[in-house]
N, C-alpha and C. Protein backbone atom coordinates (compact mmCIF):
# COMPACT_ATOMS: atom_id res chain seq x y z
N MET A 1 7.74 51.60 86.45
CA MET A 1 6.54 52.23 87.15
C MET A 1 5.40 52.05 86.12
N LYS A 2 4.73 51.61 86.73
CA LYS A 2 3.14 51.12 86.30
C LYS A 2 2.30 52.19 86.11
N GLN A 3 1.85 52.34 84.94
CA GLN A 3 0.95 53.29 84.80
C GLN A 3 -0.42 52.77 84.59
N SER A 4 -1.33 53.75 85.41
CA SER A 4 -2.92 53.18 85.46
C SER A 4 -3.74 53.70 84.57
N PRO A 5 -4.67 53.13 84.12
CA PRO A 5 -5.30 53.04 82.92
C PRO A 5 -6.46 54.23 83.07
N ILE A 6 -6.46 55.29 82.05
CA ILE A 6 -7.43 56.15 81.99
C ILE A 6 -8.75 55.94 82.24
N ILE A 7 -9.19 56.43 83.27
CA ILE A 7 -10.96 55.94 83.32
C ILE A 7 -11.79 57.14 83.30
N PHE A 8 -12.89 57.22 82.60
CA PHE A 8 -13.61 58.35 82.40
C PHE A 8 -14.60 58.09 83.54
N PRO A 9 -15.24 58.97 84.54
CA PRO A 9 -16.25 59.13 85.36
C PRO A 9 -17.30 58.60 84.78
N ILE A 10 -18.05 57.31 85.29
CA ILE A 10 -19.36 56.87 84.56
C ILE A 10 -20.14 57.98 84.44
N PRO A 11 -20.31 58.72 85.57
CA PRO A 11 -21.81 59.60 85.00
C PRO A 11 -21.22 60.52 83.87
N PHE A 12 -20.02 60.71 83.61
CA PHE A 12 -19.45 61.50 82.24
C PHE A 12 -20.00 60.81 80.99
N CYS A 13 -19.58 59.41 80.64
CA CYS A 13 -19.49 58.50 79.77
C CYS A 13 -21.41 58.15 79.65
N ILE A 14 -22.13 58.16 80.55
CA ILE A 14 -23.57 58.47 80.60
C ILE A 14 -24.59 59.50 80.03
N LEU A 15 -23.48 60.64 80.13
CA LEU A 15 -24.31 61.82 79.57
C LEU A 15 -23.87 61.99 77.99
N ILE A 16 -22.73 61.37 77.58
CA ILE A 16 -22.50 61.64 76.59
C ILE A 16 -23.09 60.50 75.57
N THR A 17 -23.65 59.08 76.30
CA THR A 17 -24.48 58.12 75.81
C THR A 17 -25.84 58.56 75.38
N LEU A 18 -26.02 59.33 76.73
CA LEU A 18 -27.62 59.95 76.45
C LEU A 18 -27.71 60.93 75.29
N PHE A 19 -26.50 61.99 75.26
CA PHE A 19 -26.69 63.03 74.16
C PHE A 19 -26.72 61.95 72.64
N ILE A 20 -25.51 61.26 72.44
CA ILE A 20 -25.83 61.20 71.25
C ILE A 20 -27.06 60.02 70.76
N SER A 21 -27.67 59.32 71.74
CA SER A 21 -28.66 58.34 71.53
C SER A 21 -29.96 59.32 71.14
N SER A 22 -30.16 60.53 72.13
CA SER A 22 -31.09 61.52 71.98
C SER A 22 -31.23 62.33 70.62
N THR A 23 -29.95 62.55 69.83
CA THR A 23 -30.02 63.30 68.78
C THR A 23 -30.33 62.35 67.48
N GLU A 24 -29.77 61.13 68.14
CA GLU A 24 -29.92 60.08 66.46
C GLU A 24 -31.37 59.50 66.73
N ALA A 25 -32.04 59.62 67.96
CA ALA A 25 -33.43 58.81 68.14
C ALA A 25 -34.52 59.62 67.22
N GLN A 26 -33.96 60.65 67.34
CA GLN A 26 -35.39 61.93 66.69
C GLN A 26 -35.50 61.26 65.20
N SER A 27 -36.44 60.87 65.10
CA SER A 27 -36.75 61.22 63.50
C SER A 27 -37.25 62.16 62.98
N CYS A 28 -37.36 62.58 61.78
CA CYS A 28 -38.12 63.57 60.97
C CYS A 28 -38.46 62.79 59.40
N ASN A 29 -38.98 63.51 59.07
CA ASN A 29 -39.94 63.80 57.64
C ASN A 29 -39.63 64.67 56.85
N PRO A 30 -38.57 65.09 56.05
CA PRO A 30 -38.47 66.59 55.42
C PRO A 30 -39.64 66.92 54.55
N ASN A 31 -40.77 65.81 54.41
CA ASN A 31 -41.92 66.47 53.38
C ASN A 31 -43.22 66.56 54.79
N GLU A 32 -42.86 66.38 55.82
CA GLU A 32 -43.68 66.65 56.62
C GLU A 32 -44.44 68.17 56.86
N LYS A 33 -45.80 68.11 56.98
CA LYS A 33 -46.61 69.48 56.77
C LYS A 33 -46.45 69.95 58.26
N LEU A 34 -46.15 71.26 58.24
CA LEU A 34 -45.91 71.93 59.68
C LEU A 34 -47.00 73.02 59.63
N ALA A 35 -48.19 72.76 60.65
CA ALA A 35 -48.83 74.03 60.79
C ALA A 35 -48.66 75.27 61.04
N GLY A 36 -49.64 75.98 60.98
CA GLY A 36 -48.74 77.39 61.65
C GLY A 36 -48.85 78.44 60.60
N LYS A 37 -48.19 79.59 60.78
CA LYS A 37 -47.84 80.78 59.92
C LYS A 37 -46.98 80.43 59.14
N ASN A 38 -46.82 80.96 57.75
CA ASN A 38 -46.02 80.61 57.01
C ASN A 38 -45.35 79.20 57.39
N SER A 39 -46.43 78.27 56.93
CA SER A 39 -46.00 77.00 56.94
C SER A 39 -45.13 76.47 55.88
N LEU A 40 -45.23 76.93 54.38
CA LEU A 40 -44.31 76.52 53.62
C LEU A 40 -43.07 77.01 53.96
N LEU A 41 -42.75 78.11 54.39
CA LEU A 41 -41.31 78.12 54.89
C LEU A 41 -41.00 77.73 55.85
N ARG A 42 -41.77 77.23 56.91
CA ARG A 42 -41.10 76.29 58.22
C ARG A 42 -41.02 75.30 57.48
N ARG A 43 -41.84 74.39 56.32
CA ARG A 43 -41.26 73.44 56.05
C ARG A 43 -40.04 73.07 55.25
N LEU A 44 -39.54 74.34 54.49
CA LEU A 44 -38.35 74.39 53.56
C LEU A 44 -37.56 74.39 54.57
N ASN A 45 -37.41 74.97 55.85
CA ASN A 45 -36.40 75.15 56.72
C ASN A 45 -36.28 73.74 57.46
N HIS A 46 -37.43 73.29 57.87
CA HIS A 46 -37.56 72.09 58.31
C HIS A 46 -36.80 70.97 57.54
N SER A 47 -37.16 71.03 56.20
CA SER A 47 -36.66 69.89 55.29
C SER A 47 -34.61 70.38 55.23
N ASP A 48 -34.25 71.45 55.45
CA ASP A 48 -32.99 71.87 55.57
C ASP A 48 -32.29 70.89 56.72
N ARG A 49 -33.20 70.64 57.65
CA ARG A 49 -32.43 70.12 59.15
C ARG A 49 -33.10 68.75 59.32
N CYS A 50 -33.56 68.20 58.18
CA CYS A 50 -33.95 66.75 58.32
C CYS A 50 -33.07 65.90 57.49
N LYS A 51 -32.01 65.19 57.79
CA LYS A 51 -31.18 64.44 56.83
C LYS A 51 -31.33 63.23 57.00
N ASN A 52 -31.78 62.39 55.96
CA ASN A 52 -31.61 60.83 56.31
C ASN A 52 -32.68 60.56 57.26
N GLY A 53 -33.63 61.17 57.33
CA GLY A 53 -34.49 60.73 58.24
C GLY A 53 -34.28 61.10 59.66
N LYS A 54 -33.08 62.20 59.93
CA LYS A 54 -32.57 62.47 61.48
C LYS A 54 -32.76 63.84 61.48
N PHE A 55 -32.84 64.58 62.63
CA PHE A 55 -32.72 65.89 62.52
C PHE A 55 -31.12 65.99 62.82
N SER A 56 -30.33 67.07 62.11
CA SER A 56 -29.33 67.61 62.53
C SER A 56 -28.86 68.14 63.84
N VAL A 57 -27.78 67.66 64.27
CA VAL A 57 -27.39 68.45 65.70
C VAL A 57 -27.53 69.91 65.86
N ALA A 58 -27.27 70.50 64.93
CA ALA A 58 -27.08 72.20 64.46
C ALA A 58 -28.46 72.55 64.50
N SER A 59 -29.30 71.77 64.38
CA SER A 59 -31.15 72.62 64.27
C SER A 59 -31.62 72.78 66.12
N LYS A 60 -30.93 72.32 66.89
CA LYS A 60 -31.26 72.35 67.91
C LYS A 60 -31.06 73.95 68.99
N GLY A 61 -31.92 74.77 69.20
CA GLY A 61 -31.40 76.05 69.78
C GLY A 61 -31.08 76.90 68.78
N SER A 62 -30.81 78.08 68.86
CA SER A 62 -30.50 79.01 68.30
C SER A 62 -28.50 78.71 67.76
N PRO A 63 -28.62 79.02 66.51
CA PRO A 63 -27.05 78.68 66.02
C PRO A 63 -25.81 79.18 66.96
N LEU A 64 -25.02 78.46 67.09
CA LEU A 64 -24.08 79.32 67.94
C LEU A 64 -23.30 80.35 67.46
N VAL A 65 -23.14 81.58 67.90
CA VAL A 65 -22.17 82.49 67.74
C VAL A 65 -21.32 82.56 68.46
N VAL A 66 -20.10 82.32 68.18
CA VAL A 66 -18.56 82.56 68.87
C VAL A 66 -17.98 83.59 68.66
N GLY A 67 -17.99 84.13 69.51
CA GLY A 67 -17.03 85.50 69.17
C GLY A 67 -17.58 86.56 68.31
N ASN A 68 -16.90 87.39 67.24
CA ASN A 68 -17.76 88.00 66.55
C ASN A 68 -17.89 87.83 65.49
N THR A 69 -18.99 87.96 64.92
CA THR A 69 -19.56 87.10 63.62
C THR A 69 -19.55 88.43 62.62
N ASN A 70 -18.98 88.21 61.25
CA ASN A 70 -18.65 89.03 60.45
C ASN A 70 -20.17 89.38 59.65
N SER A 71 -20.68 90.57 59.49
CA SER A 71 -21.98 90.57 58.91
C SER A 71 -22.29 91.85 57.68
N ILE A 72 -22.95 91.89 57.32
CA ILE A 72 -23.47 93.19 56.30
C ILE A 72 -24.79 93.72 57.46
N MET A 73 -24.59 95.01 57.49
CA MET A 73 -25.41 95.65 58.47
C MET A 73 -26.43 96.53 57.42
N THR A 74 -27.86 96.14 57.14
CA THR A 74 -28.62 97.04 56.33
C THR A 74 -29.52 97.53 57.22
N ILE A 75 -29.94 98.80 56.48
CA ILE A 75 -30.71 99.67 57.29
C ILE A 75 -32.02 99.68 56.93
N ASN A 76 -33.33 99.47 58.06
CA ASN A 76 -34.52 99.00 58.16
C ASN A 76 -35.47 99.90 59.04
N SER A 77 -36.44 99.94 58.43
CA SER A 77 -37.69 100.68 59.02
C SER A 77 -38.63 99.69 59.50
N PHE A 78 -38.71 99.95 60.87
CA PHE A 78 -39.47 98.87 61.09
C PHE A 78 -41.24 99.22 61.69
N GLU A 79 -41.29 100.68 61.25
CA GLU A 79 -42.65 101.23 61.73
C GLU A 79 -43.50 101.00 60.59
N LYS A 80 -44.90 101.36 61.12
CA LYS A 80 -46.03 100.88 60.18
C LYS A 80 -45.61 100.96 58.71
N SER A 81 -45.47 102.23 58.43
CA SER A 81 -45.29 102.85 56.97
C SER A 81 -43.87 102.64 56.37
N GLY A 82 -43.00 101.76 57.31
CA GLY A 82 -41.53 101.70 56.78
C GLY A 82 -41.37 100.46 56.06
N ASP A 83 -40.27 100.66 55.28
CA ASP A 83 -39.77 99.65 54.49
C ASP A 83 -39.51 98.23 54.64
N GLY A 84 -40.12 97.94 56.15
CA GLY A 84 -39.70 96.42 56.45
C GLY A 84 -40.71 95.69 56.12
N GLY A 85 -42.27 96.97 55.88
CA GLY A 85 -43.60 96.09 54.72
C GLY A 85 -44.50 95.17 55.88
N GLN A 86 -43.85 94.58 56.98
CA GLN A 86 -45.12 93.88 57.39
C GLN A 86 -44.66 93.87 58.97
N PRO A 87 -45.70 93.56 59.99
CA PRO A 87 -45.24 93.79 61.67
C PRO A 87 -43.90 92.90 61.49
N SER A 88 -43.44 92.81 63.00
CA SER A 88 -42.25 92.17 63.06
C SER A 88 -42.60 90.58 63.63
N GLU A 89 -42.06 89.87 63.38
CA GLU A 89 -42.18 88.26 63.26
C GLU A 89 -42.32 87.97 65.11
N CYS A 90 -41.37 88.61 65.81
CA CYS A 90 -41.49 88.11 66.87
C CYS A 90 -43.06 88.22 67.85
N ASP A 91 -43.40 89.53 67.36
CA ASP A 91 -44.55 90.16 68.18
C ASP A 91 -45.96 90.40 67.36
N GLY A 92 -45.73 90.58 66.14
CA GLY A 92 -46.53 90.94 65.31
C GLY A 92 -46.79 92.58 65.68
N LYS A 93 -45.71 93.10 66.10
CA LYS A 93 -46.26 94.75 66.12
C LYS A 93 -45.10 95.76 65.26
N ASP A 94 -45.53 96.56 64.99
CA ASP A 94 -44.48 97.86 64.40
C ASP A 94 -43.81 98.42 65.40
N HIS A 95 -42.47 98.82 65.00
CA HIS A 95 -41.76 99.33 66.24
C HIS A 95 -41.23 100.46 65.45
N SER A 96 -40.69 101.58 66.69
CA SER A 96 -40.06 102.75 66.60
C SER A 96 -39.02 102.84 65.85
N ASP A 97 -38.62 103.26 64.48
CA ASP A 97 -37.31 103.89 63.78
C ASP A 97 -36.10 104.03 65.11
N ASP A 98 -36.74 104.75 66.46
CA ASP A 98 -35.93 105.32 67.20
C ASP A 98 -35.69 104.24 68.61
N THR A 99 -35.95 102.94 68.31
CA THR A 99 -35.88 102.35 69.01
C THR A 99 -34.50 101.01 68.75
N LEU A 100 -33.34 100.94 69.48
CA LEU A 100 -32.36 99.83 69.13
C LEU A 100 -32.89 98.39 68.97
N ILE A 101 -33.23 98.37 67.78
CA ILE A 101 -33.74 96.48 67.31
C ILE A 101 -33.09 96.50 65.92
N VAL A 102 -33.20 95.06 65.77
CA VAL A 102 -32.79 94.28 64.31
C VAL A 102 -33.43 93.14 64.21
N ALA A 103 -33.65 92.84 62.85
CA ALA A 103 -33.91 91.79 62.19
C ALA A 103 -32.73 90.59 61.73
N LEU A 104 -32.43 89.36 61.95
CA LEU A 104 -31.52 88.75 61.92
C LEU A 104 -31.56 87.91 60.31
N SER A 105 -30.90 87.50 59.73
CA SER A 105 -31.01 86.39 58.79
C SER A 105 -31.72 85.00 59.42
N SER A 106 -32.38 84.11 58.52
CA SER A 106 -32.87 83.16 59.04
C SER A 106 -32.14 82.23 59.73
N GLU A 107 -30.75 82.23 59.21
CA GLU A 107 -30.37 81.07 60.08
C GLU A 107 -29.90 81.53 61.61
N TRP A 108 -29.56 82.69 61.74
CA TRP A 108 -29.25 83.63 63.14
C TRP A 108 -30.79 83.56 63.68
N TYR A 109 -31.95 84.05 62.88
CA TYR A 109 -33.05 84.40 64.10
C TYR A 109 -33.38 82.71 64.22
N ASN A 110 -33.58 81.72 63.59
CA ASN A 110 -33.76 80.41 63.90
C ASN A 110 -35.03 80.19 64.35
N HIS A 111 -36.05 80.25 63.58
CA HIS A 111 -37.45 80.16 64.06
C HIS A 111 -37.77 80.68 65.27
N GLY A 112 -37.24 82.12 65.28
CA GLY A 112 -37.67 83.05 66.73
C GLY A 112 -36.80 82.69 67.78
N GLN A 113 -35.94 81.89 67.70
CA GLN A 113 -35.04 81.29 69.36
C GLN A 113 -34.21 82.71 69.77
N ARG A 114 -34.07 83.64 68.85
CA ARG A 114 -33.67 84.83 69.26
C ARG A 114 -34.48 86.07 69.58
N CYS A 115 -35.87 85.82 69.34
CA CYS A 115 -36.67 86.94 69.88
C CYS A 115 -36.55 87.35 70.90
N PHE A 116 -36.39 88.63 70.90
CA PHE A 116 -36.42 89.57 72.12
C PHE A 116 -34.77 89.48 72.84
N LYS A 117 -34.31 88.69 72.35
CA LYS A 117 -32.42 88.79 73.13
C LYS A 117 -31.95 90.03 72.67
N LEU A 118 -30.94 90.13 73.20
CA LEU A 118 -29.80 91.19 73.04
C LEU A 118 -28.64 90.78 72.22
N ILE A 119 -28.49 91.48 71.22
CA ILE A 119 -27.18 90.82 70.62
C ILE A 119 -26.07 92.37 70.92
N ASN A 120 -24.76 92.23 70.83
CA ASN A 120 -23.79 93.35 70.61
C ASN A 120 -23.40 93.60 69.10
N ILE A 121 -23.73 94.75 68.73
CA ILE A 121 -23.14 94.77 67.04
C ILE A 121 -21.86 95.74 67.00
N TYR A 122 -20.70 95.48 66.32
CA TYR A 122 -19.70 96.24 66.48
C TYR A 122 -19.46 96.90 65.09
N TYR A 123 -19.19 98.28 65.25
CA TYR A 123 -18.43 98.90 64.18
C TYR A 123 -17.53 100.00 64.40
N ASN A 124 -16.40 99.67 63.65
CA ASN A 124 -14.90 100.33 63.94
C ASN A 124 -14.71 100.45 65.56
N ASP A 125 -14.92 101.39 66.22
CA ASP A 125 -14.55 101.36 67.87
C ASP A 125 -15.89 101.34 68.48
N LYS A 126 -17.05 101.38 67.98
CA LYS A 126 -18.23 101.39 68.76
C LYS A 126 -19.07 100.18 68.89
N SER A 127 -19.40 100.28 69.72
CA SER A 127 -20.46 99.10 69.91
C SER A 127 -22.22 99.60 70.85
N VAL A 128 -23.13 98.66 70.35
CA VAL A 128 -24.45 98.85 71.18
C VAL A 128 -24.90 97.56 71.26
N GLN A 129 -25.91 97.65 72.11
CA GLN A 129 -26.80 96.53 72.06
C GLN A 129 -27.86 96.53 71.67
N ALA A 130 -28.55 95.85 70.76
CA ALA A 130 -29.85 95.61 70.18
C ALA A 130 -30.97 94.75 70.48
N MET A 131 -32.54 94.59 70.10
CA MET A 131 -32.86 93.52 70.36
C MET A 131 -33.67 92.82 69.17
N VAL A 132 -33.48 91.59 69.20
CA VAL A 132 -34.10 91.30 68.31
C VAL A 132 -35.21 91.18 68.22
N VAL A 133 -36.35 91.52 66.92
CA VAL A 133 -37.87 91.44 66.64
C VAL A 133 -38.15 90.88 65.84
N ASP A 134 -37.33 90.53 64.62
CA ASP A 134 -38.02 90.05 63.41
C ASP A 134 -36.74 89.02 62.94
N GLU A 135 -37.20 88.74 61.43
CA GLU A 135 -36.36 87.67 60.86
C GLU A 135 -36.09 88.32 59.21
N CYS A 136 -35.25 88.12 59.15
CA CYS A 136 -34.83 89.17 57.73
C CYS A 136 -34.75 87.55 56.69
N ASP A 137 -35.60 87.41 56.48
CA ASP A 137 -36.11 85.78 55.19
C ASP A 137 -35.13 85.76 54.12
N SER A 138 -34.46 84.35 54.49
CA SER A 138 -33.45 84.36 53.35
C SER A 138 -34.13 83.09 52.43
N ASN A 139 -35.54 82.83 52.92
CA ASN A 139 -36.28 82.17 51.79
C ASN A 139 -36.73 83.23 50.77
N LYS A 140 -36.60 84.57 51.14
CA LYS A 140 -37.34 85.67 50.48
C LYS A 140 -36.41 86.57 49.61
N GLY A 141 -35.28 86.50 49.75
CA GLY A 141 -34.38 87.15 48.93
C GLY A 141 -33.03 87.83 49.92
N CYS A 142 -33.53 87.30 51.33
CA CYS A 142 -32.44 88.16 52.29
C CYS A 142 -31.12 87.26 52.29
N ARG A 143 -29.99 88.01 52.11
CA ARG A 143 -29.08 87.38 52.24
C ARG A 143 -28.40 86.49 53.46
N ASP A 144 -27.58 85.69 53.58
CA ASP A 144 -27.50 84.98 55.07
C ASP A 144 -26.41 85.46 56.03
N ASP A 145 -25.77 86.60 55.69
CA ASP A 145 -25.28 87.44 56.26
C ASP A 145 -25.79 89.03 57.28
N ILE A 146 -27.03 89.18 57.14
CA ILE A 146 -27.41 90.12 57.13
C ILE A 146 -28.04 90.38 58.84
N VAL A 147 -27.41 91.82 58.97
CA VAL A 147 -28.34 92.22 60.31
C VAL A 147 -28.57 93.53 59.94
N ASP A 148 -30.35 93.52 60.14
CA ASP A 148 -30.81 94.74 59.23
C ASP A 148 -31.49 95.46 60.69
N ALA A 149 -30.80 96.44 60.65
CA ALA A 149 -30.92 97.40 61.58
C ALA A 149 -31.76 99.05 61.60
N SER A 150 -32.27 99.43 63.07
CA SER A 150 -32.92 100.35 62.92
C SER A 150 -32.36 101.95 62.66
N LYS A 151 -32.80 102.72 62.29
CA LYS A 151 -31.66 104.22 62.12
C LYS A 151 -31.05 104.20 63.36
N ALA A 152 -31.76 103.87 64.75
CA ALA A 152 -31.34 104.41 66.17
C ALA A 152 -30.26 103.74 66.37
N VAL A 153 -29.86 102.13 65.54
CA VAL A 153 -28.50 101.54 65.94
C VAL A 153 -27.69 102.10 65.08
N TRP A 154 -27.46 102.42 63.99
CA TRP A 154 -26.94 103.44 63.02
C TRP A 154 -26.44 104.34 63.72
N LYS A 155 -27.19 104.99 64.33
CA LYS A 155 -27.20 106.40 64.71
C LYS A 155 -26.10 106.40 65.89
N ALA A 156 -26.57 105.27 66.95
CA ALA A 156 -25.73 104.94 67.76
C ALA A 156 -24.05 104.38 67.83
N LEU A 157 -23.80 103.87 66.36
CA LEU A 157 -22.86 103.25 66.18
C LEU A 157 -22.14 104.75 65.45
N GLN A 158 -22.71 105.71 65.12
CA GLN A 158 -22.19 106.83 64.61
C GLN A 158 -21.66 106.37 63.22
N VAL A 159 -22.39 106.08 62.44
CA VAL A 159 -22.22 105.36 61.06
C VAL A 159 -22.20 106.70 60.33
N PRO A 160 -21.37 107.24 59.18
CA PRO A 160 -21.61 108.41 58.78
C PRO A 160 -22.58 108.03 57.78
N LYS A 161 -23.15 109.10 57.52
CA LYS A 161 -24.59 109.08 56.98
C LYS A 161 -24.34 108.62 55.44
N ASP A 162 -23.12 108.99 55.01
CA ASP A 162 -22.92 108.38 53.49
C ASP A 162 -22.50 107.25 53.06
N GLU A 163 -22.46 106.36 54.98
CA GLU A 163 -22.69 104.80 54.94
C GLU A 163 -24.15 103.98 54.87
N PHE A 164 -24.96 105.06 55.14
CA PHE A 164 -26.39 104.64 55.42
C PHE A 164 -26.95 103.90 54.27
N GLY A 165 -27.07 102.65 54.91
CA GLY A 165 -27.67 101.60 53.90
C GLY A 165 -27.14 100.35 53.97
N GLU A 166 -25.93 100.48 53.97
CA GLU A 166 -24.79 99.16 53.92
C GLU A 166 -23.83 99.15 54.37
N THR A 167 -23.23 98.55 55.63
CA THR A 167 -21.99 98.79 56.03
C THR A 167 -21.51 97.31 56.86
N THR A 168 -20.12 97.12 56.62
CA THR A 168 -19.85 95.76 57.57
C THR A 168 -19.66 96.09 58.67
N VAL A 169 -20.13 95.20 59.33
CA VAL A 169 -19.85 94.85 61.28
C VAL A 169 -19.73 93.59 61.59
N THR A 170 -19.58 93.48 62.50
CA THR A 170 -19.63 92.04 63.41
C THR A 170 -20.48 92.51 64.86
N TRP A 171 -20.91 91.15 65.29
CA TRP A 171 -22.00 90.88 66.22
C TRP A 171 -21.95 89.81 66.83
N SER A 172 -22.14 89.74 68.58
CA SER A 172 -22.27 88.68 69.11
C SER A 172 -23.72 88.50 70.01
N ASP A 173 -23.83 87.37 70.55
CA ASP A 173 -25.25 87.68 71.28
C ASP A 173 -24.29 88.01 72.42
N ALA A 174 -25.48 88.88 73.57
CA ALA A 174 -25.19 89.78 74.37
C ALA A 174 -25.08 88.83 75.61
């Protein structure tokens, strides 16, 4: 019995070729000056994504979160007089501690790509959806595995008061 060769459909081959060439064709300069708010931080983040004069494929869109991602949930006040320090990055506003909101570590925040998107946060057998409104800036001392949550998130997850401050959770995109 004669076996026929495996032939990939032409449209599939064209798509793969276009994807590879488009990611390779985008050149970058890690020393490029980027204008705007926090330009030094943006330049640092930009240089991390620029390798050998090419953007890394991982720099496109929000970093993919597959399934539940292990993280440390910390508590934060997003109110004007709260410990967050400044208005939220996504909208430049302060938010009530009674709102289900979070700040994510820089990589997960991804230059605002997750602004106003919901994430699922899991603690023991409880879960809650919270909106991303801020960045926990890894360039200013925030660890890379942080979900910085309002008091409302802590209460909704029924975290015991003696654990308020820092606890282990998992999260996913909603």
